[in-house]
Amino acid sequence: MLTLDAFRSRSELPSVLLAGAGAALALVLTPGLALFTALLMFVGLLLVRHTLTTRRPAQETTDA
């Protein structure tokens, strides 16, 4: 479901690739719990992507 939501626009293509990578790794690492593991990995990868792509505002320097 999260993959389909991420696939709504071409700008979110990296999210689709992250979902595919998470699902593939989950199937290899934990075949019995693949769905749960894939969802956790996808959320984690999205958080990492968000952290890396979010621009932080420059901190203003104050003269004290």
Protein backbone atom coordinates (compact mmCIF):
# COMPACT_ATOMS: atom_id res chain seq x y z
CA MET A 1 0.00 0.00 0.00
CA LEU A 2 2.81 2.40 0.84
CA THR A 3 4.46 1.61 -2.49
CA LEU A 4 1.32 2.48 -4.43
CA ASP A 5 1.01 5.74 -2.54
CA ALA A 6 4.63 6.61 -3.31
CA PHE A 7 4.17 5.85 -7.02
CA ARG A 8 1.65 8.65 -7.64
CA SER A 9 4.23 11.00 -9.14
CA ARG A 10 7.52 10.60 -10.96
CA SER A 11 9.26 12.81 -8.43
CA GLU A 12 8.71 10.05 -5.90
CA LEU A 13 10.42 7.36 -7.98
CA PRO A 14 13.20 6.98 -5.35
CA SER A 15 10.52 6.02 -2.81
CA VAL A 16 9.29 3.25 -5.10
CA LEU A 17 12.84 1.99 -5.49
CA LEU A 18 13.32 2.07 -1.72
CA ALA A 19 10.13 0.05 -1.28
CA GLY A 20 11.32 -2.53 -3.79
CA ALA A 21 14.73 -2.77 -2.15
CA GLY A 22 13.16 -3.15 1.29
CA ALA A 23 10.82 -5.90 0.08
CA ALA A 24 13.63 -7.78 -1.65
CA LEU A 25 15.88 -7.59 1.41
CA ALA A 26 13.03 -8.65 3.69
CA LEU A 27 12.31 -11.71 1.55
CA VAL A 28 15.96 -12.73 1.74
CA LEU A 29 16.60 -11.91 5.41
CA THR A 30 13.31 -12.91 7.06
CA PRO A 31 11.09 -14.96 4.73
CA GLY A 32 8.64 -15.80 7.52
CA LEU A 33 8.11 -12.18 8.53
CA ALA A 34 8.78 -10.56 5.16
CA LEU A 35 5.78 -8.22 5.11
CA PHE A 36 6.43 -6.82 8.58
CA THR A 37 10.16 -6.51 7.96
CA ALA A 38 9.60 -4.86 4.57
CA LEU A 39 7.27 -2.27 6.07
CA LEU A 40 9.72 -1.47 8.86
CA MET A 41 12.60 -1.19 6.40
CA PHE A 42 10.57 1.01 4.07
CA VAL A 43 9.63 3.41 6.85
CA GLY A 44 13.24 3.50 8.03
CA LEU A 45 14.55 4.15 4.52
CA LEU A 46 11.98 6.90 4.01
CA LEU A 47 13.10 8.55 7.25
CA VAL A 48 16.73 8.41 6.12
CA ARG A 49 15.78 9.83 2.70
CA HIS A 50 13.80 12.62 4.34
CA THR A 51 16.67 13.46 6.65
CA LEU A 52 19.16 13.60 3.78
CA THR A 53 16.98 15.62 1.42
CA THR A 54 15.49 18.15 3.83
CA ARG A 55 17.26 21.45 3.73
CA ARG A 56 18.09 22.93 7.06
CA PRO A 57 17.82 26.71 7.38
CA ALA A 58 21.10 28.46 8.06
CA GLN A 59 21.43 29.44 11.67
CA GLU A 60 21.66 33.14 12.17
CA THR A 61 24.72 34.33 13.96
CA THR A 62 24.21 36.88 16.67
CA ASP A 63 26.84 39.22 17.96
CA ALA A 64 26.72 39.08 21.72
